[in-house]
Amino acid sequence: MRIRSSARTIAFFITLGSCLVALTIYLNIVWLVHNWRNVVPLVLGIIFFSLIIAGLVLYTIFLVREIRRSEQQDSFLNAVTHELKTPITSIRLYLQTLERRTLSEDQRREFYRLMLDDADRLMGTVEQVLRAGEIRQHRARRHWKDVNFTAIIEDSLELARLRHGLSTNALRFGAAPPGQITLMGDADDLRTAVANLIENAVKYSGKHPSITVDVETPNIDTVVLRVRDNGVGIPRNELKRIFKRFYRVQSGATGQVKGTGLGLFIVRSIARRHGGDAFAESEGEGRGSTFTLRLPRVYHV
């Protein structure tokens, strides 16, 4: 219902803006017809009406963008609320069970494991929100240093396998890193970017993931990380939007996966802050996706 309401609001303001622009053009034509022999009023009228038309167009564009941004922020708040509330509710339920019932040692250990998983999920959501805020503050680069990018990728793969219980076939190297790759940058940021790409691939790959990670060095100055999955895929018209802050695809199976809409925004922000970029490719829904992180070996200010 909220999406329909937002779409109607946007359609209303676009229609209103179009009508006002059409009315202004009509008045401009009438002015030209009545004053075509008077040079000064003719020129002033053209300038004046052109400014009015430009102002109306810009105002309509701005208003539509603000409506969409407000909608994305509402979706973000709803998603974050869900991502925070669900693990807290789960942990509370397990604690109440432990307090009120007598359980075997095996049951206790299982409850402890589940609570730790929920705590990790809760911490991950909080870290995503904090990281997005830190990135927007444009921290200084004076603390950058040489980073072993190969080790970051290998550690991120191993951590994802352990966290999600994946085999080496489900999450594997295609083209393994050609030896140690050293980058100049922030180790924590780069680790976050790599982890987000892998977590995103796992999240959208369903129950039987098949994820391939390729690391290439097309030239001496560049390193490319590609994460390919067999997941739900992305509609082609959404490929450029998914890196926007708070943006989440609402169509098909993609829209059914929970999240904050910050993961890919953080990835691209980190990539660009390091002088690189991130982009996505997909043949469409149900046909998997490929996310590429391109980084320079050395960033020149």
Foldseek 3Di string as FASTA:
>chain_A
DVVVVLVVVLVVLVVVLVVVLVVLVVVLVVQCVVCVVPVVSNVVSVVVSVVVNVVSVVVSVVVNVVSVVVVLVVLLVVLLCCQQVVLVVLLVVLVVCVVPDDDDPVVVVVSVVSNVLSVVSNVVSVVLVVLLVVLVVLDDLPPWDKDFLLVLLVVLQVVVCVSVVHDCQQEHEDAHDPPTAIATGDHVLSSLLNNLVVVVQVQFQPPRKGKYWYWDDPDPWKIKIKIWIQGFWDAPVCFVVLLDASDFDCDDPRNVGGDNSRSSVSNQSSLVSQVWGKTKDTPHTRGIIMIMRMHTRYRDD
